[in-house]
Amino acid sequence: MGEGNYSTYILLGGLVLLMFWMTSRTKKRQRAAEEFRDNLSVGQEVMTGSGLFGTIVAVDDERVTLRSGNGADASTSEWLRQAIAKVVEPVQTLDEDGRADASDEPVGDTDGPTERDIRGTAASDE
């Protein structure tokens, strides 16, 4: 066996490990997405992959019924479970003084970048 054969085996072994690592990450993401879809329940505020916001009013095996709009403008539509992209946090309300209502939970999307991530500085540093 020559020196070239060893490097070929090392390269092939590295490629096999890389493929295994990539497929395991993909499977983890698929499991997380499946778990998310399985935990959808009536009353949750959600956003679809196409950007429609609504409240879940019914859930069955493959479909989710969303109500969007308020009052006379409200409408319902059926979506595949896979079309639901994320659960939306409730909007924080302000009292008469313009302060956050103490009964509201803090609002924020912890999955996305913050203003500091985008701008490289804190907003108060300006």
N, C-alpha and C. Protein backbone atom coordinates (compact mmCIF):
# COMPACT_ATOMS: atom_id res chain seq x y z
N MET A 1 0.83 -1.18 0.00
CA MET A 1 0.00 0.00 0.00
C MET A 1 0.88 1.24 0.00
N GLY A 2 0.53 2.16 -0.86
CA GLY A 2 1.29 3.39 -0.96
C GLY A 2 0.70 4.47 -0.08
N GLU A 3 1.43 5.56 -0.02
CA GLU A 3 1.00 6.71 0.78
C GLU A 3 -0.31 7.29 0.27
N GLY A 4 -0.56 7.24 -1.02
CA GLY A 4 -1.78 7.79 -1.61
C GLY A 4 -3.02 7.06 -1.15
N ASN A 5 -2.92 5.74 -0.91
CA ASN A 5 -4.08 4.96 -0.47
C ASN A 5 -4.55 5.40 0.91
N TYR A 6 -3.63 5.69 1.82
CA TYR A 6 -4.01 6.12 3.17
C TYR A 6 -4.75 7.45 3.13
N SER A 7 -4.25 8.38 2.34
CA SER A 7 -4.92 9.68 2.28
C SER A 7 -6.31 9.55 1.64
N THR A 8 -6.46 8.63 0.70
CA THR A 8 -7.77 8.39 0.09
C THR A 8 -8.75 7.85 1.13
N TYR A 9 -8.29 6.91 1.95
CA TYR A 9 -9.15 6.34 2.99
C TYR A 9 -9.52 7.39 4.04
N ILE A 10 -8.57 8.24 4.38
CA ILE A 10 -8.85 9.30 5.35
C ILE A 10 -9.88 10.27 4.78
N LEU A 11 -9.71 10.64 3.52
CA LEU A 11 -10.66 11.55 2.86
C LEU A 11 -12.05 10.93 2.79
N LEU A 12 -12.14 9.68 2.40
CA LEU A 12 -13.45 9.00 2.33
C LEU A 12 -14.09 8.89 3.72
N GLY A 13 -13.28 8.57 4.72
CA GLY A 13 -13.79 8.49 6.09
C GLY A 13 -14.34 9.84 6.56
N GLY A 14 -13.62 10.91 6.23
CA GLY A 14 -14.08 12.25 6.59
C GLY A 14 -15.39 12.60 5.91
N LEU A 15 -15.52 12.22 4.64
CA LEU A 15 -16.77 12.48 3.91
C LEU A 15 -17.94 11.71 4.51
N VAL A 16 -17.70 10.46 4.90
CA VAL A 16 -18.75 9.65 5.53
C VAL A 16 -19.19 10.29 6.85
N LEU A 17 -18.23 10.74 7.66
CA LEU A 17 -18.57 11.40 8.92
C LEU A 17 -19.35 12.69 8.69
N LEU A 18 -18.95 13.46 7.69
CA LEU A 18 -19.65 14.70 7.36
C LEU A 18 -21.09 14.41 6.93
N MET A 19 -21.29 13.41 6.11
CA MET A 19 -22.65 13.04 5.66
C MET A 19 -23.49 12.59 6.85
N PHE A 20 -22.92 11.79 7.75
CA PHE A 20 -23.64 11.33 8.93
C PHE A 20 -24.05 12.52 9.80
N TRP A 21 -23.14 13.46 10.02
CA TRP A 21 -23.42 14.63 10.84
C TRP A 21 -24.53 15.48 10.23
N MET A 22 -24.48 15.68 8.92
CA MET A 22 -25.49 16.51 8.25
C MET A 22 -26.87 15.86 8.31
N THR A 23 -26.96 14.55 8.10
CA THR A 23 -28.27 13.89 8.15
C THR A 23 -28.83 13.87 9.57
N SER A 24 -27.96 13.75 10.58
CA SER A 24 -28.47 13.75 11.95
C SER A 24 -29.02 15.12 12.33
N ARG A 25 -28.40 16.20 11.86
CA ARG A 25 -28.92 17.54 12.12
C ARG A 25 -30.27 17.74 11.42
N THR A 26 -30.40 17.24 10.20
CA THR A 26 -31.65 17.36 9.46
C THR A 26 -32.76 16.60 10.18
N LYS A 27 -32.45 15.42 10.68
CA LYS A 27 -33.46 14.63 11.40
C LYS A 27 -33.89 15.34 12.68
N LYS A 28 -32.95 15.99 13.38
CA LYS A 28 -33.30 16.73 14.59
C LYS A 28 -34.27 17.86 14.26
N ARG A 29 -34.00 18.59 13.18
CA ARG A 29 -34.88 19.68 12.77
C ARG A 29 -36.27 19.15 12.41
N GLN A 30 -36.31 18.03 11.70
CA GLN A 30 -37.59 17.45 11.32
C GLN A 30 -38.38 17.01 12.55
N ARG A 31 -37.71 16.42 13.54
CA ARG A 31 -38.39 16.02 14.77
C ARG A 31 -38.92 17.23 15.51
N ALA A 32 -38.14 18.31 15.57
CA ALA A 32 -38.59 19.52 16.26
C ALA A 32 -39.80 20.12 15.56
N ALA A 33 -39.80 20.14 14.23
CA ALA A 33 -40.93 20.67 13.47
C ALA A 33 -42.17 19.80 13.68
N GLU A 34 -42.00 18.50 13.71
CA GLU A 34 -43.13 17.59 13.93
C GLU A 34 -43.70 17.78 15.33
N GLU A 35 -42.83 17.94 16.32
CA GLU A 35 -43.29 18.17 17.69
C GLU A 35 -44.05 19.49 17.79
N PHE A 36 -43.55 20.53 17.10
CA PHE A 36 -44.23 21.82 17.08
C PHE A 36 -45.63 21.66 16.51
N ARG A 37 -45.76 20.98 15.38
CA ARG A 37 -47.07 20.80 14.74
C ARG A 37 -48.00 19.96 15.62
N ASP A 38 -47.46 18.98 16.33
CA ASP A 38 -48.29 18.14 17.19
C ASP A 38 -48.82 18.90 18.40
N ASN A 39 -48.14 19.97 18.81
CA ASN A 39 -48.54 20.72 20.00
C ASN A 39 -49.41 21.93 19.70
N LEU A 40 -49.86 22.08 18.46
CA LEU A 40 -50.77 23.19 18.13
C LEU A 40 -52.11 22.95 18.82
N SER A 41 -52.67 24.02 19.40
CA SER A 41 -53.94 23.86 20.11
C SER A 41 -54.84 25.07 19.87
N VAL A 42 -56.12 24.86 20.12
CA VAL A 42 -57.14 25.89 19.93
C VAL A 42 -56.81 27.08 20.83
N GLY A 43 -56.95 28.29 20.26
CA GLY A 43 -56.71 29.51 21.01
C GLY A 43 -55.34 30.14 20.79
N GLN A 44 -54.41 29.39 20.20
CA GLN A 44 -53.07 29.95 19.97
C GLN A 44 -53.09 30.93 18.80
N GLU A 45 -52.35 32.02 18.94
CA GLU A 45 -52.14 32.97 17.85
C GLU A 45 -50.95 32.45 17.05
N VAL A 46 -51.13 32.29 15.73
CA VAL A 46 -50.07 31.73 14.90
C VAL A 46 -49.88 32.55 13.63
N MET A 47 -48.76 32.29 12.96
CA MET A 47 -48.49 32.87 11.66
C MET A 47 -48.19 31.73 10.70
N THR A 48 -48.78 31.79 9.51
CA THR A 48 -48.51 30.77 8.50
C THR A 48 -47.21 31.10 7.78
N GLY A 49 -46.73 30.16 7.00
CA GLY A 49 -45.53 30.38 6.22
C GLY A 49 -45.67 31.49 5.21
N SER A 50 -46.89 31.77 4.79
CA SER A 50 -47.11 32.85 3.81
C SER A 50 -47.38 34.19 4.48
N GLY A 51 -47.40 34.22 5.82
CA GLY A 51 -47.54 35.49 6.53
C GLY A 51 -48.92 35.82 7.04
N LEU A 52 -49.89 34.91 6.95
CA LEU A 52 -51.23 35.16 7.48
C LEU A 52 -51.21 34.95 8.99
N PHE A 53 -51.74 35.92 9.73
CA PHE A 53 -51.86 35.81 11.18
C PHE A 53 -53.29 35.41 11.52
N GLY A 54 -53.44 34.53 12.50
CA GLY A 54 -54.77 34.12 12.90
C GLY A 54 -54.76 33.36 14.21
N THR A 55 -55.96 33.06 14.69
CA THR A 55 -56.15 32.30 15.92
C THR A 55 -56.68 30.93 15.55
N ILE A 56 -56.10 29.90 16.14
CA ILE A 56 -56.56 28.53 15.86
C ILE A 56 -57.92 28.33 16.51
N VAL A 57 -58.92 27.92 15.70
CA VAL A 57 -60.25 27.66 16.24
C VAL A 57 -60.60 26.17 16.17
N ALA A 58 -59.87 25.39 15.38
CA ALA A 58 -60.10 23.95 15.31
C ALA A 58 -58.82 23.27 14.80
N VAL A 59 -58.58 22.07 15.32
CA VAL A 59 -57.41 21.29 14.91
C VAL A 59 -57.85 19.86 14.69
N ASP A 60 -57.47 19.27 13.56
CA ASP A 60 -57.68 17.83 13.38
C ASP A 60 -56.35 17.21 12.94
N ASP A 61 -56.39 15.99 12.42
CA ASP A 61 -55.15 15.27 12.12
C ASP A 61 -54.23 16.01 11.16
N GLU A 62 -54.77 16.55 10.09
CA GLU A 62 -53.94 17.17 9.07
C GLU A 62 -54.20 18.66 8.89
N ARG A 63 -55.33 19.16 9.38
CA ARG A 63 -55.72 20.54 9.10
C ARG A 63 -55.86 21.36 10.37
N VAL A 64 -55.67 22.66 10.19
CA VAL A 64 -55.86 23.64 11.26
C VAL A 64 -56.79 24.71 10.69
N THR A 65 -57.83 25.07 11.44
CA THR A 65 -58.73 26.14 11.01
C THR A 65 -58.35 27.41 11.76
N LEU A 66 -58.09 28.47 10.99
CA LEU A 66 -57.68 29.76 11.56
C LEU A 66 -58.78 30.79 11.39
N ARG A 67 -58.96 31.64 12.40
CA ARG A 67 -59.83 32.80 12.30
C ARG A 67 -58.91 34.02 12.24
N SER A 68 -59.10 34.82 11.22
CA SER A 68 -58.30 36.05 11.10
C SER A 68 -59.24 37.24 11.01
N GLY A 69 -58.81 38.36 11.53
CA GLY A 69 -59.66 39.55 11.55
C GLY A 69 -60.50 39.58 12.80
N ASN A 70 -61.22 40.69 12.98
CA ASN A 70 -62.07 40.89 14.16
C ASN A 70 -63.46 41.32 13.74
N GLY A 71 -64.43 41.02 14.57
CA GLY A 71 -65.80 41.48 14.35
C GLY A 71 -66.37 41.01 13.03
N ALA A 72 -66.97 41.95 12.29
CA ALA A 72 -67.61 41.62 11.02
C ALA A 72 -66.59 41.24 9.95
N ASP A 73 -65.34 41.67 10.13
CA ASP A 73 -64.29 41.36 9.16
C ASP A 73 -63.66 39.99 9.38
N ALA A 74 -64.04 39.28 10.43
CA ALA A 74 -63.42 37.99 10.74
C ALA A 74 -63.78 36.96 9.68
N SER A 75 -62.80 36.13 9.36
CA SER A 75 -63.04 35.03 8.42
C SER A 75 -62.26 33.82 8.89
N THR A 76 -62.68 32.65 8.45
CA THR A 76 -61.97 31.42 8.80
C THR A 76 -61.43 30.79 7.53
N SER A 77 -60.32 30.09 7.68
CA SER A 77 -59.73 29.37 6.56
C SER A 77 -59.03 28.13 7.09
N GLU A 78 -58.95 27.11 6.25
CA GLU A 78 -58.31 25.86 6.63
C GLU A 78 -56.91 25.80 6.05
N TRP A 79 -55.98 25.30 6.85
CA TRP A 79 -54.58 25.20 6.46
C TRP A 79 -54.05 23.82 6.85
N LEU A 80 -53.08 23.34 6.10
CA LEU A 80 -52.37 22.14 6.52
C LEU A 80 -51.54 22.48 7.75
N ARG A 81 -51.36 21.52 8.64
CA ARG A 81 -50.54 21.76 9.83
C ARG A 81 -49.14 22.23 9.45
N GLN A 82 -48.60 21.70 8.35
CA GLN A 82 -47.25 22.04 7.92
C GLN A 82 -47.13 23.51 7.51
N ALA A 83 -48.26 24.17 7.22
CA ALA A 83 -48.22 25.57 6.78
C ALA A 83 -48.06 26.54 7.95
N ILE A 84 -48.24 26.07 9.18
CA ILE A 84 -48.10 26.95 10.34
C ILE A 84 -46.62 27.10 10.64
N ALA A 85 -46.13 28.35 10.57
CA ALA A 85 -44.70 28.61 10.72
C ALA A 85 -44.29 28.82 12.17
N LYS A 86 -45.10 29.58 12.92
CA LYS A 86 -44.71 29.83 14.31
C LYS A 86 -45.90 30.31 15.12
N VAL A 87 -45.77 30.18 16.43
CA VAL A 87 -46.74 30.71 17.37
C VAL A 87 -46.32 32.14 17.66
N VAL A 88 -47.29 33.06 17.63
CA VAL A 88 -47.02 34.48 17.83
C VAL A 88 -47.29 34.84 19.28
N GLU A 89 -46.37 35.58 19.88
CA GLU A 89 -46.56 36.04 21.26
C GLU A 89 -47.60 37.15 21.26
N PRO A 90 -48.41 37.25 22.32
CA PRO A 90 -49.41 38.31 22.39
C PRO A 90 -48.76 39.69 22.41
N VAL A 91 -49.46 40.67 21.85
CA VAL A 91 -48.96 42.04 21.80
C VAL A 91 -49.11 42.67 23.17
N GLN A 92 -48.08 43.40 23.60
CA GLN A 92 -48.11 44.06 24.91
C GLN A 92 -48.95 45.32 24.83
N THR A 93 -49.84 45.50 25.81
CA THR A 93 -50.70 46.69 25.83
C THR A 93 -50.12 47.74 26.76
N LEU A 94 -50.47 48.99 26.53
CA LEU A 94 -49.99 50.10 27.35
C LEU A 94 -51.15 50.68 28.16
N ASP A 95 -50.83 51.17 29.36
CA ASP A 95 -51.86 51.83 30.16
C ASP A 95 -51.97 53.30 29.75
N GLU A 96 -52.77 54.09 30.49
CA GLU A 96 -53.00 55.49 30.13
C GLU A 96 -51.71 56.32 30.13
N ASP A 97 -50.74 55.94 30.95
CA ASP A 97 -49.49 56.69 31.06
C ASP A 97 -48.47 56.28 30.00
N GLY A 98 -48.82 55.33 29.15
CA GLY A 98 -47.90 54.88 28.12
C GLY A 98 -46.92 53.83 28.60
N ARG A 99 -47.15 53.29 29.80
CA ARG A 99 -46.27 52.25 30.33
C ARG A 99 -46.89 50.88 30.06
N ALA A 100 -46.04 49.87 30.04
CA ALA A 100 -46.52 48.51 29.80
C ALA A 100 -47.41 48.09 30.95
N ASP A 101 -48.50 47.43 30.62
CA ASP A 101 -49.43 46.92 31.61
C ASP A 101 -48.71 45.85 32.43
N ALA A 102 -48.78 45.94 33.74
CA ALA A 102 -48.05 45.02 34.61
C ALA A 102 -48.53 43.58 34.46
N SER A 103 -49.75 43.38 33.98
CA SER A 103 -50.28 42.02 33.84
C SER A 103 -49.77 41.34 32.58
N ASP A 104 -49.20 42.10 31.65
CA ASP A 104 -48.71 41.51 30.40
C ASP A 104 -47.34 40.90 30.59
N GLU A 105 -47.11 39.85 29.87
CA GLU A 105 -45.79 39.23 29.83
C GLU A 105 -44.91 40.02 28.87
N PRO A 106 -43.58 39.96 29.05
CA PRO A 106 -42.71 40.64 28.09
C PRO A 106 -42.87 40.05 26.71
N VAL A 107 -42.79 40.90 25.70
CA VAL A 107 -42.94 40.48 24.33
C VAL A 107 -41.58 40.43 23.69
N GLY A 108 -41.37 39.44 22.85
CA GLY A 108 -40.11 39.37 22.12
C GLY A 108 -39.98 38.04 21.44
N ASP A 109 -39.33 38.04 20.31
CA ASP A 109 -39.07 36.82 19.58
C ASP A 109 -37.65 36.40 19.90
N THR A 110 -37.49 35.38 20.73
CA THR A 110 -36.15 34.98 21.14
C THR A 110 -35.41 34.23 20.05
N ASP A 111 -36.11 33.85 18.99
CA ASP A 111 -35.45 33.11 17.92
C ASP A 111 -34.75 34.02 16.92
N GLY A 112 -35.16 35.27 16.84
CA GLY A 112 -34.61 36.16 15.83
C GLY A 112 -33.49 37.03 16.38
N PRO A 113 -32.81 37.76 15.50
CA PRO A 113 -31.74 38.64 15.95
C PRO A 113 -32.31 39.85 16.69
N THR A 114 -31.53 40.36 17.61
CA THR A 114 -31.93 41.56 18.32
C THR A 114 -31.39 42.78 17.59
N GLU A 115 -31.82 43.96 18.03
CA GLU A 115 -31.31 45.19 17.42
C GLU A 115 -29.80 45.28 17.60
N ARG A 116 -29.30 44.81 18.73
CA ARG A 116 -27.86 44.82 18.97
C ARG A 116 -27.15 43.91 17.97
N ASP A 117 -27.72 42.75 17.67
CA ASP A 117 -27.12 41.85 16.69
C ASP A 117 -27.05 42.50 15.32
N ILE A 118 -28.09 43.22 14.96
CA ILE A 118 -28.16 43.80 13.62
C ILE A 118 -27.23 45.00 13.49
N ARG A 119 -27.26 45.88 14.49
CA ARG A 119 -26.51 47.13 14.39
C ARG A 119 -25.12 47.03 14.99
N GLY A 120 -24.87 46.03 15.82
CA GLY A 120 -23.56 45.88 16.45
C GLY A 120 -23.39 46.72 17.70
N THR A 121 -24.41 47.47 18.10
CA THR A 121 -24.36 48.27 19.32
C THR A 121 -25.72 48.23 19.98
N ALA A 122 -25.76 48.57 21.23
CA ALA A 122 -27.04 48.66 21.93
C ALA A 122 -27.72 49.95 21.54
N ALA A 123 -29.03 49.97 21.57
CA ALA A 123 -29.79 51.16 21.21
C ALA A 123 -29.47 52.32 22.16
N SER A 124 -29.14 52.01 23.42
CA SER A 124 -28.85 53.06 24.39
C SER A 124 -27.44 53.63 24.23
N ASP A 125 -26.59 53.01 23.40
CA ASP A 125 -25.23 53.49 23.19
C ASP A 125 -25.17 54.69 22.28
N GLU A 126 -26.27 55.02 21.61
CA GLU A 126 -26.25 56.10 20.61
C GLU A 126 -26.20 57.46 21.24
